[in-house]
């Protein structure tokens, strides 16, 4: 029987990973923060400890084989930079120290594709790309890069850790939902009839989870693995969703610069609806500063990462939302 300790288990990616581990007969411990809706009906042990309490963490890791560290602040709006540094960097350092103390066999750290410098934009981005090293980048990107350096320090002390870099994660089991899940719902429900003229690299949450589990056995110590999918425009997504729901929901594209015009209205909508902003400066920065050519060759060769089609992902995501709830 295999034992896993997971942080960030209540998030989209984390809750899907828990399901995949349970399906593979793992015993799972989840470090809990606040919302547990996505894992409440699952057979897991919930650990209510601070991510900064290394002694308590080590005690709970002692009988585990693997630590999957996903917990992070990912907000792009109303960023509390000091708290983001504390959680993303300090929390990662604490988890690594606890893993070292408990002599854990393996740690899988979930970084981000944006921990890498996106420039040069027209060159293929792979694991050899340098990490973000300037605070002029978005706070999330910079803190994920700093957190990754904490993992490297722990590796030098003897920790066997591998690092995953997912791109834009979409797919089922999106309970909150995530910003990207909300976008899919908004497109479906005619709340985004016009697509912004840009896109992103999308990867299915289930494919990331599969790669993470394979990384336990096949991941090399200190190695980064880009877990990406395909770059598709928002127009492509809108048309694909339109085909799935069989009704007119897409009415054309608008220029990227239009995002700056609608930014104040997005903030107003957020205040009135009490929901997160659809568009903010952080998300604009991410869309503007992205490399569209991303290679997952290493993950394919070493972790058997073969991302499913975006068509399959959208079909399953819409079906899951229909079965769970609609927003």
C-alpha atoms as a PDB file:
ATOM      1  CA  UNK A   1       0.000   0.000   0.000  1.00  0.00           C
ATOM      2  CA  UNK A   2       1.329   3.455  -0.987  1.00  0.00           C
ATOM      3  CA  UNK A   3       0.902   6.533   1.200  1.00  0.00           C
ATOM      4  CA  UNK A   4       0.729  10.140  -0.004  1.00  0.00           C
ATOM      5  CA  UNK A   5       0.743  13.508   1.753  1.00  0.00           C
ATOM      6  CA  UNK A   6      -0.862  16.276  -0.320  1.00  0.00           C
ATOM      7  CA  UNK A   7      -1.012  20.042   0.131  1.00  0.00           C
ATOM      8  CA  UNK A   8      -3.517  22.063  -1.885  1.00  0.00           C
ATOM      9  CA  UNK A   9      -5.838  19.061  -2.095  1.00  0.00           C
ATOM     10  CA  UNK A  10      -9.027  21.128  -2.216  1.00  0.00           C
ATOM     11  CA  UNK A  11      -8.062  22.970  -5.403  1.00  0.00           C
ATOM     12  CA  UNK A  12      -8.971  21.856  -8.909  1.00  0.00           C
ATOM     13  CA  UNK A  13      -5.718  20.041  -9.620  1.00  0.00           C
ATOM     14  CA  UNK A  14      -5.299  18.798  -6.062  1.00  0.00           C
ATOM     15  CA  UNK A  15      -8.769  17.281  -5.745  1.00  0.00           C
ATOM     16  CA  UNK A  16      -8.380  15.521  -9.081  1.00  0.00           C
ATOM     17  CA  UNK A  17      -5.002  14.151  -7.970  1.00  0.00           C
ATOM     18  CA  UNK A  18      -6.589  12.810  -4.784  1.00  0.00           C
ATOM     19  CA  UNK A  19      -9.174  10.959  -6.872  1.00  0.00           C
ATOM     20  CA  UNK A  20      -6.516   9.458  -9.128  1.00  0.00           C
ATOM     21  CA  UNK A  21      -4.445   8.327  -6.148  1.00  0.00           C
ATOM     22  CA  UNK A  22      -7.436   6.725  -4.425  1.00  0.00           C
ATOM     23  CA  UNK A  23      -8.349   4.977  -7.663  1.00  0.00           C
ATOM     24  CA  UNK A  24      -4.796   3.584  -7.685  1.00  0.00           C
ATOM     25  CA  UNK A  25      -5.257   2.325  -4.084  1.00  0.00           C
ATOM     26  CA  UNK A  26      -3.132   4.944  -2.335  1.00  0.00           C
ATOM     27  CA  UNK A  27      -3.751   5.989   1.265  1.00  0.00           C
ATOM     28  CA  UNK A  28      -4.018   9.780   1.209  1.00  0.00           C
ATOM     29  CA  UNK A  29      -3.427  12.479   3.819  1.00  0.00           C
ATOM     30  CA  UNK A  30      -4.529  16.004   2.922  1.00  0.00           C
ATOM     31  CA  UNK A  31      -3.200  19.145   4.579  1.00  0.00           C
ATOM     32  CA  UNK A  32      -6.329  21.270   4.938  1.00  0.00           C
ATOM     33  CA  UNK A  33      -6.616  25.048   4.777  1.00  0.00           C
ATOM     34  CA  UNK A  34     -10.234  26.188   4.409  1.00  0.00           C
ATOM     35  CA  UNK A  35     -12.671  24.943   1.764  1.00  0.00           C
ATOM     36  CA  UNK A  36     -12.901  21.147   1.589  1.00  0.00           C
ATOM     37  CA  UNK A  37     -16.022  20.782  -0.572  1.00  0.00           C
ATOM     38  CA  UNK A  38     -14.156  19.092  -3.406  1.00  0.00           C
ATOM     39  CA  UNK A  39     -12.860  16.251  -1.200  1.00  0.00           C
ATOM     40  CA  UNK A  40     -15.535  15.966   1.510  1.00  0.00           C
ATOM     41  CA  UNK A  41     -16.957  12.733   0.096  1.00  0.00           C
ATOM     42  CA  UNK A  42     -13.561  11.076  -0.358  1.00  0.00           C
ATOM     43  CA  UNK A  43     -11.849   8.548   1.903  1.00  0.00           C
ATOM     44  CA  UNK A  44      -8.889  10.679   2.981  1.00  0.00           C
ATOM     45  CA  UNK A  45      -7.339  11.717   6.280  1.00  0.00           C
ATOM     46  CA  UNK A  46      -7.609  15.470   6.793  1.00  0.00           C
ATOM     47  CA  UNK A  47      -4.680  17.117   8.550  1.00  0.00           C
ATOM     48  CA  UNK A  48      -5.392  20.455  10.228  1.00  0.00           C
ATOM     49  CA  UNK A  49      -1.929  21.914  10.736  1.00  0.00           C
ATOM     50  CA  UNK A  50      -0.164  25.092   9.669  1.00  0.00           C
ATOM     51  CA  UNK A  51       1.941  24.815   6.546  1.00  0.00           C
ATOM     52  CA  UNK A  52       4.647  26.619   8.540  1.00  0.00           C
ATOM     53  CA  UNK A  53       4.752  24.105  11.423  1.00  0.00           C
ATOM     54  CA  UNK A  54       7.623  21.912  10.239  1.00  0.00           C
ATOM     55  CA  UNK A  55       7.574  19.622  13.272  1.00  0.00           C
ATOM     56  CA  UNK A  56       3.857  18.858  12.948  1.00  0.00           C
ATOM     57  CA  UNK A  57       4.182  18.374   9.196  1.00  0.00           C
ATOM     58  CA  UNK A  58       7.134  16.005   9.580  1.00  0.00           C
ATOM     59  CA  UNK A  59       5.208  13.978  12.155  1.00  0.00           C
ATOM     60  CA  UNK A  60       2.324  13.535   9.709  1.00  0.00           C
ATOM     61  CA  UNK A  61       4.643  12.721   6.800  1.00  0.00           C
ATOM     62  CA  UNK A  62       6.614  10.081   8.694  1.00  0.00           C
ATOM     63  CA  UNK A  63       4.564   7.123   7.395  1.00  0.00           C
ATOM     64  CA  UNK A  64       4.152   8.502   3.863  1.00  0.00           C
ATOM     65  CA  UNK A  65       6.069   7.567   0.739  1.00  0.00           C
ATOM     66  CA  UNK A  66       5.491  10.720  -1.295  1.00  0.00           C
ATOM     67  CA  UNK A  67       4.665  14.387  -0.755  1.00  0.00           C
ATOM     68  CA  UNK A  68       2.748  16.207  -3.482  1.00  0.00           C
ATOM     69  CA  UNK A  69       3.089  19.939  -2.835  1.00  0.00           C
ATOM     70  CA  UNK A  70       0.436  21.964  -4.679  1.00  0.00           C
ATOM     71  CA  UNK A  71      -0.623  24.589  -2.114  1.00  0.00           C
ATOM     72  CA  UNK A  72      -0.082  28.147  -3.324  1.00  0.00           C
ATOM     73  CA  UNK A  73      -1.750  31.520  -3.597  1.00  0.00           C
ATOM     74  CA  UNK A  74      -2.576  31.981  -7.274  1.00  0.00           C
ATOM     75  CA  UNK A  75      -4.639  35.192  -7.172  1.00  0.00           C
ATOM     76  CA  UNK A  76      -4.005  37.641  -9.991  1.00  0.00           C
ATOM     77  CA  UNK A  77      -6.171  40.376  -8.486  1.00  0.00           C
ATOM     78  CA  UNK A  78      -5.943  42.184  -5.129  1.00  0.00           C
ATOM     79  CA  UNK A  79      -2.569  40.568  -4.541  1.00  0.00           C
ATOM     80  CA  UNK A  80      -1.184  40.666  -1.005  1.00  0.00           C
ATOM     81  CA  UNK A  81       2.422  40.351  -2.119  1.00  0.00           C
ATOM     82  CA  UNK A  82       3.885  39.780   1.353  1.00  0.00           C
ATOM     83  CA  UNK A  83       1.411  36.998   2.040  1.00  0.00           C
ATOM     84  CA  UNK A  84       2.037  35.484  -1.388  1.00  0.00           C
ATOM     85  CA  UNK A  85       5.768  35.403  -0.650  1.00  0.00           C
ATOM     86  CA  UNK A  86       5.059  33.919   2.780  1.00  0.00           C
ATOM     87  CA  UNK A  87       2.836  31.109   1.487  1.00  0.00           C
ATOM     88  CA  UNK A  88       4.328  30.326  -1.913  1.00  0.00           C
ATOM     89  CA  UNK A  89       7.988  30.611  -0.927  1.00  0.00           C
ATOM     90  CA  UNK A  90       7.990  30.170   2.848  1.00  0.00           C
ATOM     91  CA  UNK A  91       5.375  27.424   2.687  1.00  0.00           C
ATOM     92  CA  UNK A  92       7.411  25.518   0.120  1.00  0.00           C
ATOM     93  CA  UNK A  93      10.542  25.856   2.249  1.00  0.00           C
ATOM     94  CA  UNK A  94       8.621  24.527   5.250  1.00  0.00           C
ATOM     95  CA  UNK A  95       7.244  21.549   3.312  1.00  0.00           C
ATOM     96  CA  UNK A  96      10.719  20.702   1.996  1.00  0.00           C
ATOM     97  CA  UNK A  97      12.254  20.914   5.479  1.00  0.00           C
ATOM     98  CA  UNK A  98       9.521  18.677   6.880  1.00  0.00           C
ATOM     99  CA  UNK A  99      10.075  16.195   4.059  1.00  0.00           C
ATOM    100  CA  UNK A 100      13.791  16.118   4.867  1.00  0.00           C
ATOM    101  CA  UNK A 101      13.106  15.589   8.580  1.00  0.00           C
ATOM    102  CA  UNK A 102      10.685  12.738   7.902  1.00  0.00           C
ATOM    103  CA  UNK A 103      13.062  11.188   5.344  1.00  0.00           C
ATOM    104  CA  UNK A 104      10.310  11.064   2.733  1.00  0.00           C
ATOM    105  CA  UNK A 105      11.147   8.999  -0.366  1.00  0.00           C
ATOM    106  CA  UNK A 106       9.980  11.532  -2.954  1.00  0.00           C
ATOM    107  CA  UNK A 107       8.572  15.040  -3.246  1.00  0.00           C
ATOM    108  CA  UNK A 108       6.705  16.267  -6.318  1.00  0.00           C
ATOM    109  CA  UNK A 109       6.543  20.048  -6.478  1.00  0.00           C
ATOM    110  CA  UNK A 110       3.910  21.657  -8.690  1.00  0.00           C
ATOM    111  CA  UNK A 111       5.395  24.809 -10.156  1.00  0.00           C
ATOM    112  CA  UNK A 112       3.996  26.672 -13.187  1.00  0.00           C
ATOM    113  CA  UNK A 113       4.906  27.228 -16.808  1.00  0.00           C
ATOM    114  CA  UNK A 114       5.157  30.907 -15.864  1.00  0.00           C
ATOM    115  CA  UNK A 115       7.983  30.237 -13.425  1.00  0.00           C
ATOM    116  CA  UNK A 116      10.039  30.189 -16.626  1.00  0.00           C
ATOM    117  CA  UNK A 117      10.918  33.364 -18.519  1.00  0.00           C
ATOM    118  CA  UNK A 118       8.425  33.531 -21.360  1.00  0.00           C
ATOM    119  CA  UNK A 119      10.766  35.578 -23.545  1.00  0.00           C
ATOM    120  CA  UNK A 120      11.958  34.951 -26.234  1.00  0.00           C
ATOM    121  CA  UNK A 121       8.321  34.456 -27.205  1.00  0.00           C
ATOM    122  CA  UNK A 122       8.933  32.917 -30.628  1.00  0.00           C
ATOM    123  CA  UNK A 123      11.429  30.295 -29.442  1.00  0.00           C
ATOM    124  CA  UNK A 124      10.316  26.910 -28.166  1.00  0.00           C
ATOM    125  CA  UNK A 125      10.048  26.911 -24.376  1.00  0.00           C
ATOM    126  CA  UNK A 126      11.484  23.788 -22.760  1.00  0.00           C
ATOM    127  CA  UNK A 127      13.047  22.802 -19.455  1.00  0.00           C
ATOM    128  CA  UNK A 128      16.311  24.572 -20.318  1.00  0.00           C
ATOM    129  CA  UNK A 129      14.644  28.000 -20.177  1.00  0.00           C
ATOM    130  CA  UNK A 130      15.807  30.225 -17.295  1.00  0.00           C
ATOM    131  CA  UNK A 131      13.512  30.901 -14.343  1.00  0.00           C
ATOM    132  CA  UNK A 132      11.895  34.288 -13.792  1.00  0.00           C
ATOM    133  CA  UNK A 133      14.408  36.402 -11.883  1.00  0.00           C
ATOM    134  CA  UNK A 134      12.864  39.848 -11.660  1.00  0.00           C
ATOM    135  CA  UNK A 135      10.073  41.388  -9.604  1.00  0.00           C
ATOM    136  CA  UNK A 136       8.859  43.156 -12.739  1.00  0.00           C
ATOM    137  CA  UNK A 137       7.172  39.851 -13.588  1.00  0.00           C
ATOM    138  CA  UNK A 138       3.768  39.079 -12.102  1.00  0.00           C
ATOM    139  CA  UNK A 139       3.886  38.357  -8.340  1.00  0.00           C
ATOM    140  CA  UNK A 140       2.670  34.800  -8.890  1.00  0.00           C
ATOM    141  CA  UNK A 141       5.314  34.027 -11.525  1.00  0.00           C
ATOM    142  CA  UNK A 142       8.103  35.487  -9.403  1.00  0.00           C
ATOM    143  CA  UNK A 143       7.066  33.703  -6.208  1.00  0.00           C
ATOM    144  CA  UNK A 144       6.749  30.356  -7.980  1.00  0.00           C
ATOM    145  CA  UNK A 145      10.279  30.778  -9.331  1.00  0.00           C
ATOM    146  CA  UNK A 146      11.555  31.668  -5.847  1.00  0.00           C
ATOM    147  CA  UNK A 147       9.724  28.673  -4.384  1.00  0.00           C
ATOM    148  CA  UNK A 148      11.337  26.430  -6.954  1.00  0.00           C
ATOM    149  CA  UNK A 149      14.738  27.622  -5.788  1.00  0.00           C
ATOM    150  CA  UNK A 150      13.797  26.500  -2.273  1.00  0.00           C
ATOM    151  CA  UNK A 151      13.167  23.040  -3.697  1.00  0.00           C
ATOM    152  CA  UNK A 152      16.616  23.107  -5.313  1.00  0.00           C
ATOM    153  CA  UNK A 153      18.172  23.992  -1.944  1.00  0.00           C
ATOM    154  CA  UNK A 154      16.410  21.025  -0.343  1.00  0.00           C
ATOM    155  CA  UNK A 155      17.634  18.767  -3.148  1.00  0.00           C
ATOM    156  CA  UNK A 156      21.198  19.820  -2.339  1.00  0.00           C
ATOM    157  CA  UNK A 157      20.527  18.676   1.239  1.00  0.00           C
ATOM    158  CA  UNK A 158      19.454  15.237   0.033  1.00  0.00           C
ATOM    159  CA  UNK A 159      15.747  15.545  -0.824  1.00  0.00           C
ATOM    160  CA  UNK A 160      14.655  13.512  -3.853  1.00  0.00           C
ATOM    161  CA  UNK A 161      12.334  15.976  -5.581  1.00  0.00           C
ATOM    162  CA  UNK A 162      11.043  16.493  -9.102  1.00  0.00           C
ATOM    163  CA  UNK A 163       9.216  19.553 -10.411  1.00  0.00           C
ATOM    164  CA  UNK A 164       6.191  19.751 -12.699  1.00  0.00           C
ATOM    165  CA  UNK A 165       5.271  22.783 -14.799  1.00  0.00           C
ATOM    166  CA  UNK A 166       1.632  22.609 -15.952  1.00  0.00           C
ATOM    167  CA  UNK A 167       0.216  25.147 -18.388  1.00  0.00           C
ATOM    168  CA  UNK A 168      -3.437  26.290 -18.256  1.00  0.00           C
ATOM    169  CA  UNK A 169      -5.279  23.515 -16.411  1.00  0.00           C
ATOM    170  CA  UNK A 170      -8.866  22.779 -17.438  1.00  0.00           C
ATOM    171  CA  UNK A 171     -11.114  19.760 -17.067  1.00  0.00           C
ATOM    172  CA  UNK A 172     -13.674  18.072 -14.798  1.00  0.00           C
ATOM    173  CA  UNK A 173     -13.740  18.000 -10.970  1.00  0.00           C
ATOM    174  CA  UNK A 174     -13.637  21.804 -10.946  1.00  0.00           C
ATOM    175  CA  UNK A 175     -15.787  22.397  -7.875  1.00  0.00           C
ATOM    176  CA  UNK A 176     -15.139  26.056  -6.993  1.00  0.00           C
ATOM    177  CA  UNK A 177     -14.851  26.557 -10.060  1.00  0.00           C
ATOM    178  CA  UNK A 178     -11.394  27.756 -11.076  1.00  0.00           C
ATOM    179  CA  UNK A 179     -10.993  30.917 -13.147  1.00  0.00           C
ATOM    180  CA  UNK A 180     -10.623  28.797 -16.273  1.00  0.00           C
ATOM    181  CA  UNK A 181     -13.588  26.636 -15.352  1.00  0.00           C
ATOM    182  CA  UNK A 182     -15.669  29.771 -14.812  1.00  0.00           C
ATOM    183  CA  UNK A 183     -14.558  30.986 -18.245  1.00  0.00           C
ATOM    184  CA  UNK A 184     -15.871  27.790 -19.857  1.00  0.00           C
ATOM    185  CA  UNK A 185     -19.194  28.232 -18.055  1.00  0.00           C
ATOM    186  CA  UNK A 186     -19.379  31.890 -19.072  1.00  0.00           C
ATOM    187  CA  UNK A 187     -18.796  31.008 -22.722  1.00  0.00           C
ATOM    188  CA  UNK A 188     -21.418  28.268 -22.544  1.00  0.00           C
ATOM    189  CA  UNK A 189     -23.983  30.541 -20.887  1.00  0.00           C
ATOM    190  CA  UNK A 190     -23.517  33.429 -23.361  1.00  0.00           C
ATOM    191  CA  UNK A 191     -21.735  35.636 -20.859  1.00  0.00           C
ATOM    192  CA  UNK A 192     -18.716  35.817 -23.191  1.00  0.00           C
ATOM    193  CA  UNK A 193     -20.234  36.117 -26.697  1.00  0.00           C
ATOM    194  CA  UNK A 194     -17.108  37.849 -28.021  1.00  0.00           C
ATOM    195  CA  UNK A 195     -13.727  36.128 -27.841  1.00  0.00           C
ATOM    196  CA  UNK A 196     -10.546  38.066 -27.118  1.00  0.00           C
ATOM    197  CA  UNK A 197      -8.062  37.700 -29.975  1.00  0.00           C
ATOM    198  CA  UNK A 198      -5.479  35.631 -28.141  1.00  0.00           C
ATOM    199  CA  UNK A 199      -5.261  32.193 -26.579  1.00  0.00           C
ATOM    200  CA  UNK A 200      -3.351  29.962 -24.202  1.00  0.00           C
ATOM    201  CA  UNK A 201      -1.772  26.545 -23.845  1.00  0.00           C
ATOM    202  CA  UNK A 202      -4.392  24.275 -22.276  1.00  0.00           C
ATOM    203  CA  UNK A 203      -3.815  20.918 -20.596  1.00  0.00           C
ATOM    204  CA  UNK A 204      -6.340  18.495 -19.122  1.00  0.00           C
ATOM    205  CA  UNK A 205      -6.245  18.247 -15.329  1.00  0.00           C
ATOM    206  CA  UNK A 206      -6.378  14.448 -15.570  1.00  0.00           C
ATOM    207  CA  UNK A 207      -3.290  14.334 -17.779  1.00  0.00           C
ATOM    208  CA  UNK A 208      -1.355  16.440 -15.258  1.00  0.00           C
ATOM    209  CA  UNK A 209      -2.405  14.062 -12.470  1.00  0.00           C
ATOM    210  CA  UNK A 210      -1.321  11.035 -14.482  1.00  0.00           C
ATOM    211  CA  UNK A 211       2.070  12.626 -15.128  1.00  0.00           C
ATOM    212  CA  UNK A 212       2.458  13.458 -11.423  1.00  0.00           C
ATOM    213  CA  UNK A 213       1.829   9.876 -10.337  1.00  0.00           C
ATOM    214  CA  UNK A 214       4.228   8.528 -12.961  1.00  0.00           C
ATOM    215  CA  UNK A 215       6.785  11.078 -11.780  1.00  0.00           C
ATOM    216  CA  UNK A 216       6.915   9.322  -8.400  1.00  0.00           C
ATOM    217  CA  UNK A 217       8.628   6.323  -9.974  1.00  0.00           C
ATOM    218  CA  UNK A 218      10.166   7.758 -13.127  1.00  0.00           C
ATOM    219  CA  UNK A 219      10.919  11.376 -12.213  1.00  0.00           C
ATOM    220  CA  UNK A 220      14.612  12.194 -11.970  1.00  0.00           C
ATOM    221  CA  UNK A 221      15.916  13.961  -8.869  1.00  0.00           C
ATOM    222  CA  UNK A 222      16.142  17.709  -9.506  1.00  0.00           C
ATOM    223  CA  UNK A 223      14.510  17.501 -12.932  1.00  0.00           C
ATOM    224  CA  UNK A 224      11.835  19.872 -14.260  1.00  0.00           C
ATOM    225  CA  UNK A 225       9.065  18.475 -16.462  1.00  0.00           C
ATOM    226  CA  UNK A 226       6.803  20.670 -18.562  1.00  0.00           C
ATOM    227  CA  UNK A 227       3.301  19.178 -18.570  1.00  0.00           C
ATOM    228  CA  UNK A 228       1.567  21.072 -21.346  1.00  0.00           C
ATOM    229  CA  UNK A 229      -1.084  20.478 -23.981  1.00  0.00           C
ATOM    230  CA  UNK A 230      -2.047  22.493 -27.038  1.00  0.00           C
ATOM    231  CA  UNK A 231      -2.213  26.235 -27.662  1.00  0.00           C
ATOM    232  CA  UNK A 232      -5.735  27.146 -28.724  1.00  0.00           C
ATOM    233  CA  UNK A 233      -7.329  30.550 -29.168  1.00  0.00           C
ATOM    234  CA  UNK A 234     -10.373  31.702 -27.210  1.00  0.00           C
ATOM    235  CA  UNK A 235     -12.154  31.731 -30.556  1.00  0.00           C
ATOM    236  CA  UNK A 236     -11.340  28.030 -30.962  1.00  0.00           C
ATOM    237  CA  UNK A 237     -12.685  27.296 -27.482  1.00  0.00           C
ATOM    238  CA  UNK A 238     -15.861  29.300 -28.065  1.00  0.00           C
ATOM    239  CA  UNK A 239     -16.602  27.569 -31.353  1.00  0.00           C
ATOM    240  CA  UNK A 240     -15.868  24.166 -29.827  1.00  0.00           C
ATOM    241  CA  UNK A 241     -18.197  24.827 -26.893  1.00  0.00           C
ATOM    242  CA  UNK A 242     -20.816  26.145 -29.318  1.00  0.00           C
ATOM    243  CA  UNK A 243     -20.672  22.849 -31.217  1.00  0.00           C
ATOM    244  CA  UNK A 244     -21.058  20.863 -27.991  1.00  0.00           C
ATOM    245  CA  UNK A 245     -24.095  22.761 -26.680  1.00  0.00           C
ATOM    246  CA  UNK A 246     -25.621  23.056 -30.152  1.00  0.00           C
ATOM    247  CA  UNK A 247     -26.667  26.695 -29.856  1.00  0.00           C
ATOM    248  CA  UNK A 248     -25.338  30.054 -30.996  1.00  0.00           C
ATOM    249  CA  UNK A 249     -23.008  31.450 -28.334  1.00  0.00           C
ATOM    250  CA  UNK A 250     -20.064  32.825 -30.359  1.00  0.00           C
ATOM    251  CA  UNK A 251     -20.443  36.173 -32.146  1.00  0.00           C
ATOM    252  CA  UNK A 252     -16.899  37.090 -33.151  1.00  0.00           C
ATOM    253  CA  UNK A 253     -13.489  38.259 -31.964  1.00  0.00           C
ATOM    254  CA  UNK A 254     -12.383  41.539 -30.437  1.00  0.00           C
ATOM    255  CA  UNK A 255      -8.821  42.942 -30.311  1.00  0.00           C
ATOM    256  CA  UNK A 256      -6.619  42.118 -27.326  1.00  0.00           C
ATOM    257  CA  UNK A 257      -6.278  45.807 -26.413  1.00  0.00           C
ATOM    258  CA  UNK A 258     -10.024  45.866 -25.763  1.00  0.00           C
ATOM    259  CA  UNK A 259      -9.267  44.141 -22.455  1.00  0.00           C
ATOM    260  CA  UNK A 260      -7.921  47.423 -21.083  1.00  0.00           C
ATOM    261  CA  UNK A 261     -11.192  49.144 -21.996  1.00  0.00           C
ATOM    262  CA  UNK A 262     -13.409  46.626 -20.228  1.00  0.00           C
ATOM    263  CA  UNK A 263     -11.141  46.348 -17.166  1.00  0.00           C
ATOM    264  CA  UNK A 264     -13.086  48.937 -15.062  1.00  0.00           C
ATOM    265  CA  UNK A 265     -16.384  47.230 -15.933  1.00  0.00           C
ATOM    266  CA  UNK A 266     -14.954  43.876 -14.872  1.00  0.00           C
ATOM    267  CA  UNK A 267     -14.119  45.360 -11.465  1.00  0.00           C
ATOM    268  CA  UNK A 268     -17.624  46.823 -11.142  1.00  0.00           C
ATOM    269  CA  UNK A 269     -19.197  43.519 -12.132  1.00  0.00           C
ATOM    270  CA  UNK A 270     -17.090  41.764  -9.497  1.00  0.00           C
ATOM    271  CA  UNK A 271     -18.275  44.164  -6.779  1.00  0.00           C
ATOM    272  CA  UNK A 272     -21.932  43.784  -7.729  1.00  0.00           C
ATOM    273  CA  UNK A 273     -21.922  40.024  -8.271  1.00  0.00           C
ATOM    274  CA  UNK A 274     -19.484  39.282  -5.413  1.00  0.00           C
ATOM    275  CA  UNK A 275     -17.564  37.017  -7.797  1.00  0.00           C
ATOM    276  CA  UNK A 276     -13.924  37.224  -8.860  1.00  0.00           C
ATOM    277  CA  UNK A 277     -13.092  39.558 -11.712  1.00  0.00           C
ATOM    278  CA  UNK A 278     -13.313  38.028 -15.172  1.00  0.00           C
ATOM    279  CA  UNK A 279     -10.433  40.226 -16.318  1.00  0.00           C
ATOM    280  CA  UNK A 280      -7.737  41.957 -14.259  1.00  0.00           C
ATOM    281  CA  UNK A 281      -4.267  43.371 -14.795  1.00  0.00           C
ATOM    282  CA  UNK A 282      -2.695  40.099 -13.698  1.00  0.00           C
ATOM    283  CA  UNK A 283      -4.549  37.997 -16.246  1.00  0.00           C
ATOM    284  CA  UNK A 284      -3.871  40.592 -18.957  1.00  0.00           C
ATOM    285  CA  UNK A 285      -0.164  40.409 -18.116  1.00  0.00           C
ATOM    286  CA  UNK A 286      -0.219  36.612 -18.326  1.00  0.00           C
ATOM    287  CA  UNK A 287      -1.974  36.575 -21.694  1.00  0.00           C
ATOM    288  CA  UNK A 288       0.257  39.304 -23.091  1.00  0.00           C
ATOM    289  CA  UNK A 289       3.517  37.783 -21.852  1.00  0.00           C
ATOM    290  CA  UNK A 290       3.285  34.167 -22.914  1.00  0.00           C
ATOM    291  CA  UNK A 291       5.265  31.844 -25.118  1.00  0.00           C
ATOM    292  CA  UNK A 292       2.893  29.931 -27.386  1.00  0.00           C
ATOM    293  CA  UNK A 293       5.489  27.341 -28.440  1.00  0.00           C
ATOM    294  CA  UNK A 294       5.874  24.968 -25.497  1.00  0.00           C
ATOM    295  CA  UNK A 295       7.473  21.531 -25.651  1.00  0.00           C
ATOM    296  CA  UNK A 296       6.385  18.596 -23.509  1.00  0.00           C
ATOM    297  CA  UNK A 297       8.850  16.207 -25.177  1.00  0.00           C
ATOM    298  CA  UNK A 298      10.703  15.414 -21.946  1.00  0.00           C
ATOM    299  CA  UNK A 299       7.501  14.584 -20.045  1.00  0.00           C
ATOM    300  CA  UNK A 300       6.338  12.514 -23.006  1.00  0.00           C
ATOM    301  CA  UNK A 301       9.553  10.497 -23.095  1.00  0.00           C
ATOM    302  CA  UNK A 302      10.042  10.066 -19.340  1.00  0.00           C
ATOM    303  CA  UNK A 303       6.521  10.261 -17.870  1.00  0.00           C
ATOM    304  CA  UNK A 304       4.500   9.006 -20.833  1.00  0.00           C
ATOM    305  CA  UNK A 305       2.649  12.327 -20.969  1.00  0.00           C
ATOM    306  CA  UNK A 306       0.316  12.160 -23.968  1.00  0.00           C
ATOM    307  CA  UNK A 307      -2.240  14.950 -23.570  1.00  0.00           C
ATOM    308  CA  UNK A 308      -5.718  14.178 -24.808  1.00  0.00           C
ATOM    309  CA  UNK A 309      -7.407  16.381 -27.378  1.00  0.00           C
ATOM    310  CA  UNK A 310      -8.950  19.690 -26.364  1.00  0.00           C
ATOM    311  CA  UNK A 311     -12.179  18.373 -27.912  1.00  0.00           C
ATOM    312  CA  UNK A 312     -12.250  15.501 -25.428  1.00  0.00           C
ATOM    313  CA  UNK A 313     -11.438  17.805 -22.507  1.00  0.00           C
ATOM    314  CA  UNK A 314     -14.202  20.284 -23.343  1.00  0.00           C
ATOM    315  CA  UNK A 315     -16.736  17.478 -23.849  1.00  0.00           C
ATOM    316  CA  UNK A 316     -15.960  15.920 -20.469  1.00  0.00           C
ATOM    317  CA  UNK A 317     -15.789  19.281 -18.690  1.00  0.00           C
ATOM    318  CA  UNK A 318     -19.195  20.403 -19.940  1.00  0.00           C
ATOM    319  CA  UNK A 319     -20.662  17.016 -19.062  1.00  0.00           C
ATOM    320  CA  UNK A 320     -19.209  17.216 -15.550  1.00  0.00           C
ATOM    321  CA  UNK A 321     -20.527  20.732 -14.965  1.00  0.00           C
ATOM    322  CA  UNK A 322     -23.976  19.637 -16.166  1.00  0.00           C
ATOM    323  CA  UNK A 323     -23.974  16.726 -13.730  1.00  0.00           C
ATOM    324  CA  UNK A 324     -22.721  18.751 -10.750  1.00  0.00           C
ATOM    325  CA  UNK A 325     -24.065  22.275 -11.085  1.00  0.00           C
ATOM    326  CA  UNK A 326     -24.219  25.246 -13.404  1.00  0.00           C
ATOM    327  CA  UNK A 327     -23.157  28.799 -12.638  1.00  0.00           C
END
